Amino acid sequence: MATKQNGQIVETPTEARQAEPGPSVLALLSISIGLAVIILAIVWFVFFRT
């Protein structure tokens, strides 16, 4: 538990690292790569299809 010493809050390293979980990095990477592939496919079909 965090304590106060000399007017400052002191936490253990484990307490200081804890945070609310954000979006999964794997999900974010997968969605970004998927969108990039879709956008590049659209550009290829519009401009380079012969």
PDB file of N, CA and C in Angstrom:
ATOM      1  N   MET A   1       0.842  -1.181   0.000  1.00  0.00           N
ATOM      2  CA  MET A   1       0.000   0.000   0.000  1.00  0.00           C
ATOM      3  C   MET A   1       0.888   1.245   0.000  1.00  0.00           C
ATOM      4  N   ALA A   2       0.455   2.238  -0.720  1.00  0.00           N
ATOM      5  CA  ALA A   2       1.243   3.459  -0.829  1.00  0.00           C
ATOM      6  C   ALA A   2       1.287   4.170   0.521  1.00  0.00           C
ATOM      7  N   THR A   3       2.446   4.708   0.844  1.00  0.00           N
ATOM      8  CA  THR A   3       2.616   5.469   2.086  1.00  0.00           C
ATOM      9  C   THR A   3       3.095   6.865   1.740  1.00  0.00           C
ATOM     10  N   LYS A   4       3.001   7.754   2.715  1.00  0.00           N
ATOM     11  CA  LYS A   4       3.443   9.124   2.494  1.00  0.00           C
ATOM     12  C   LYS A   4       4.656   9.387   3.371  1.00  0.00           C
ATOM     13  N   GLN A   5       5.741   9.831   2.757  1.00  0.00           N
ATOM     14  CA  GLN A   5       6.955  10.172   3.501  1.00  0.00           C
ATOM     15  C   GLN A   5       7.418  11.538   3.052  1.00  0.00           C
ATOM     16  N   ASN A   6       7.590  12.434   3.979  1.00  0.00           N
ATOM     17  CA  ASN A   6       8.047  13.803   3.695  1.00  0.00           C
ATOM     18  C   ASN A   6       7.184  14.485   2.637  1.00  0.00           C
ATOM     19  N   GLY A   7       5.886  14.230   2.673  1.00  0.00           N
ATOM     20  CA  GLY A   7       4.973  14.876   1.727  1.00  0.00           C
ATOM     21  C   GLY A   7       4.934  14.236   0.357  1.00  0.00           C
ATOM     22  N   GLN A   8       5.643  13.129   0.153  1.00  0.00           N
ATOM     23  CA  GLN A   8       5.639  12.437  -1.135  1.00  0.00           C
ATOM     24  C   GLN A   8       5.032  11.055  -0.972  1.00  0.00           C
ATOM     25  N   ILE A   9       4.336  10.593  -2.011  1.00  0.00           N
ATOM     26  CA  ILE A   9       3.756   9.257  -1.989  1.00  0.00           C
ATOM     27  C   ILE A   9       4.829   8.268  -2.409  1.00  0.00           C
ATOM     28  N   VAL A  10       5.020   7.220  -1.601  1.00  0.00           N
ATOM     29  CA  VAL A  10       6.032   6.204  -1.879  1.00  0.00           C
ATOM     30  C   VAL A  10       5.319   4.886  -2.160  1.00  0.00           C
ATOM     31  N   GLU A  11       5.615   4.292  -3.316  1.00  0.00           N
ATOM     32  CA  GLU A  11       5.012   3.029  -3.718  1.00  0.00           C
ATOM     33  C   GLU A  11       6.101   2.013  -4.026  1.00  0.00           C
ATOM     34  N   THR A  12       5.735   0.752  -3.918  1.00  0.00           N
ATOM     35  CA  THR A  12       6.663  -0.300  -4.321  1.00  0.00           C
ATOM     36  C   THR A  12       6.710  -0.323  -5.848  1.00  0.00           C
ATOM     37  N   PRO A  13       7.748  -0.923  -6.447  1.00  0.00           N
ATOM     38  CA  PRO A  13       7.811  -0.992  -7.910  1.00  0.00           C
ATOM     39  C   PRO A  13       6.593  -1.685  -8.519  1.00  0.00           C
ATOM     40  N   THR A  14       6.068  -2.702  -7.861  1.00  0.00           N
ATOM     41  CA  THR A  14       4.897  -3.407  -8.390  1.00  0.00           C
ATOM     42  C   THR A  14       3.679  -2.494  -8.389  1.00  0.00           C
ATOM     43  N   GLU A  15       3.494  -1.742  -7.331  1.00  0.00           N
ATOM     44  CA  GLU A  15       2.360  -0.821  -7.264  1.00  0.00           C
ATOM     45  C   GLU A  15       2.488   0.280  -8.314  1.00  0.00           C
ATOM     46  N   ALA A  16       3.693   0.754  -8.542  1.00  0.00           N
ATOM     47  CA  ALA A  16       3.896   1.843  -9.492  1.00  0.00           C
ATOM     48  C   ALA A  16       3.642   1.386 -10.930  1.00  0.00           C
ATOM     49  N   ARG A  17       3.880   0.100 -11.237  1.00  0.00           N
ATOM     50  CA  ARG A  17       3.692  -0.395 -12.598  1.00  0.00           C
ATOM     51  C   ARG A  17       2.246  -0.734 -12.918  1.00  0.00           C
ATOM     52  N   GLN A  18       1.401  -0.897 -11.931  1.00  0.00           N
ATOM     53  CA  GLN A  18       0.022  -1.319 -12.176  1.00  0.00           C
ATOM     54  C   GLN A  18      -0.746  -0.197 -12.851  1.00  0.00           C
ATOM     55  N   ALA A  19      -1.567  -0.583 -13.846  1.00  0.00           N
ATOM     56  CA  ALA A  19      -2.382   0.385 -14.569  1.00  0.00           C
ATOM     57  C   ALA A  19      -3.602  -0.333 -15.108  1.00  0.00           C
ATOM     58  N   GLU A  20      -4.547   0.436 -15.582  1.00  0.00           N
ATOM     59  CA  GLU A  20      -5.724  -0.167 -16.188  1.00  0.00           C
ATOM     60  C   GLU A  20      -5.325  -0.781 -17.522  1.00  0.00           C
ATOM     61  N   PRO A  21      -5.826  -1.968 -17.826  1.00  0.00           N
ATOM     62  CA  PRO A  21      -5.453  -2.597 -19.097  1.00  0.00           C
ATOM     63  C   PRO A  21      -6.048  -1.826 -20.282  1.00  0.00           C
ATOM     64  N   GLY A  22      -5.219  -1.548 -21.251  1.00  0.00           N
ATOM     65  CA  GLY A  22      -5.668  -0.863 -22.449  1.00  0.00           C
ATOM     66  C   GLY A  22      -6.001  -1.869 -23.528  1.00  0.00           C
ATOM     67  N   PRO A  23      -6.184  -1.385 -24.740  1.00  0.00           N
ATOM     68  CA  PRO A  23      -6.473  -2.315 -25.835  1.00  0.00           C
ATOM     69  C   PRO A  23      -5.289  -3.250 -26.065  1.00  0.00           C
ATOM     70  N   SER A  24      -5.583  -4.452 -26.442  1.00  0.00           N
ATOM     71  CA  SER A  24      -4.534  -5.437 -26.661  1.00  0.00           C
ATOM     72  C   SER A  24      -3.643  -5.000 -27.816  1.00  0.00           C
ATOM     73  N   VAL A  25      -2.356  -5.121 -27.630  1.00  0.00           N
ATOM     74  CA  VAL A  25      -1.405  -4.739 -28.675  1.00  0.00           C
ATOM     75  C   VAL A  25      -1.577  -5.638 -29.897  1.00  0.00           C
ATOM     76  N   LEU A  26      -1.821  -6.931 -29.662  1.00  0.00           N
ATOM     77  CA  LEU A  26      -2.019  -7.857 -30.775  1.00  0.00           C
ATOM     78  C   LEU A  26      -3.261  -7.487 -31.581  1.00  0.00           C
ATOM     79  N   ALA A  27      -4.344  -7.130 -30.907  1.00  0.00           N
ATOM     80  CA  ALA A  27      -5.568  -6.740 -31.611  1.00  0.00           C
ATOM     81  C   ALA A  27      -5.332  -5.454 -32.402  1.00  0.00           C
ATOM     82  N   LEU A  28      -4.662  -4.500 -31.798  1.00  0.00           N
ATOM     83  CA  LEU A  28      -4.385  -3.239 -32.482  1.00  0.00           C
ATOM     84  C   LEU A  28      -3.519  -3.458 -33.720  1.00  0.00           C
ATOM     85  N   LEU A  29      -2.496  -4.295 -33.605  1.00  0.00           N
ATOM     86  CA  LEU A  29      -1.623  -4.590 -34.735  1.00  0.00           C
ATOM     87  C   LEU A  29      -2.383  -5.322 -35.841  1.00  0.00           C
ATOM     88  N   SER A  30      -3.204  -6.281 -35.458  1.00  0.00           N
ATOM     89  CA  SER A  30      -3.973  -7.046 -36.446  1.00  0.00           C
ATOM     90  C   SER A  30      -4.948  -6.155 -37.209  1.00  0.00           C
ATOM     91  N   ILE A  31      -5.654  -5.300 -36.489  1.00  0.00           N
ATOM     92  CA  ILE A  31      -6.612  -4.398 -37.145  1.00  0.00           C
ATOM     93  C   ILE A  31      -5.892  -3.440 -38.074  1.00  0.00           C
ATOM     94  N   SER A  32      -4.752  -2.876 -37.633  1.00  0.00           N
ATOM     95  CA  SER A  32      -4.032  -1.928 -38.493  1.00  0.00           C
ATOM     96  C   SER A  32      -3.497  -2.587 -39.751  1.00  0.00           C
ATOM     97  N   ILE A  33      -2.952  -3.796 -39.623  1.00  0.00           N
ATOM     98  CA  ILE A  33      -2.438  -4.493 -40.800  1.00  0.00           C
ATOM     99  C   ILE A  33      -3.586  -4.853 -41.738  1.00  0.00           C
ATOM    100  N   GLY A  34      -4.707  -5.305 -41.171  1.00  0.00           N
ATOM    101  CA  GLY A  34      -5.875  -5.632 -41.994  1.00  0.00           C
ATOM    102  C   GLY A  34      -6.375  -4.423 -42.769  1.00  0.00           C
ATOM    103  N   LEU A  35      -6.476  -3.284 -42.109  1.00  0.00           N
ATOM    104  CA  LEU A  35      -6.919  -2.064 -42.805  1.00  0.00           C
ATOM    105  C   LEU A  35      -5.924  -1.642 -43.876  1.00  0.00           C
ATOM    106  N   ALA A  36      -4.632  -1.769 -43.600  1.00  0.00           N
ATOM    107  CA  ALA A  36      -3.618  -1.404 -44.593  1.00  0.00           C
ATOM    108  C   ALA A  36      -3.734  -2.299 -45.819  1.00  0.00           C
ATOM    109  N   VAL A  37      -3.959  -3.597 -45.629  1.00  0.00           N
ATOM    110  CA  VAL A  37      -4.100  -4.524 -46.754  1.00  0.00           C
ATOM    111  C   VAL A  37      -5.341  -4.180 -47.573  1.00  0.00           C
ATOM    112  N   ILE A  38      -6.436  -3.891 -46.904  1.00  0.00           N
ATOM    113  CA  ILE A  38      -7.671  -3.541 -47.618  1.00  0.00           C
ATOM    114  C   ILE A  38      -7.489  -2.263 -48.423  1.00  0.00           C
ATOM    115  N   ILE A  39      -6.875  -1.256 -47.832  1.00  0.00           N
ATOM    116  CA  ILE A  39      -6.663   0.012 -48.535  1.00  0.00           C
ATOM    117  C   ILE A  39      -5.731  -0.186 -49.734  1.00  0.00           C
ATOM    118  N   LEU A  40      -4.660  -0.944 -49.563  1.00  0.00           N
ATOM    119  CA  LEU A  40      -3.744  -1.186 -50.680  1.00  0.00           C
ATOM    120  C   LEU A  40      -4.416  -1.999 -51.785  1.00  0.00           C
ATOM    121  N   ALA A  41      -5.293  -2.943 -51.420  1.00  0.00           N
ATOM    122  CA  ALA A  41      -6.022  -3.713 -52.428  1.00  0.00           C
ATOM    123  C   ALA A  41      -6.957  -2.814 -53.223  1.00  0.00           C
ATOM    124  N   ILE A  42      -7.631  -1.900 -52.552  1.00  0.00           N
ATOM    125  CA  ILE A  42      -8.527  -0.965 -53.252  1.00  0.00           C
ATOM    126  C   ILE A  42      -7.729  -0.086 -54.204  1.00  0.00           C
ATOM    127  N   VAL A  43      -6.604   0.442 -53.736  1.00  0.00           N
ATOM    128  CA  VAL A  43      -5.766   1.293 -54.596  1.00  0.00           C
ATOM    129  C   VAL A  43      -5.270   0.492 -55.800  1.00  0.00           C
ATOM    130  N   TRP A  44      -4.854  -0.750 -55.579  1.00  0.00           N
ATOM    131  CA  TRP A  44      -4.364  -1.572 -56.682  1.00  0.00           C
ATOM    132  C   TRP A  44      -5.476  -1.837 -57.706  1.00  0.00           C
ATOM    133  N   PHE A  45      -6.674  -2.182 -57.241  1.00  0.00           N
ATOM    134  CA  PHE A  45      -7.766  -2.451 -58.164  1.00  0.00           C
ATOM    135  C   PHE A  45      -8.184  -1.201 -58.933  1.00  0.00           C
ATOM    136  N   VAL A  46      -8.132  -0.056 -58.309  1.00  0.00           N
ATOM    137  CA  VAL A  46      -8.569   1.189 -58.983  1.00  0.00           C
ATOM    138  C   VAL A  46      -7.525   1.655 -59.986  1.00  0.00           C
ATOM    139  N   PHE A  47      -6.245   1.616 -59.649  1.00  0.00           N
ATOM    140  CA  PHE A  47      -5.236   2.239 -60.486  1.00  0.00           C
ATOM    141  C   PHE A  47      -4.409   1.267 -61.339  1.00  0.00           C
ATOM    142  N   PHE A  48      -4.200   0.048 -60.907  1.00  0.00           N
ATOM    143  CA  PHE A  48      -3.246  -0.813 -61.596  1.00  0.00           C
ATOM    144  C   PHE A  48      -3.862  -2.029 -62.261  1.00  0.00           C
ATOM    145  N   ARG A  49      -5.151  -2.204 -62.202  1.00  0.00           N
ATOM    146  CA  ARG A  49      -5.792  -3.342 -62.844  1.00  0.00           C
ATOM    147  C   ARG A  49      -5.813  -3.122 -64.354  1.00  0.00           C
ATOM    148  N   THR A  50      -5.429  -4.110 -65.117  1.00  0.00           N
ATOM    149  CA  THR A  50      -5.423  -3.925 -66.585  1.00  0.00           C
ATOM    150  C   THR A  50      -6.305  -4.945 -67.254  1.00  0.00           C
TER     151      THR A  50
END
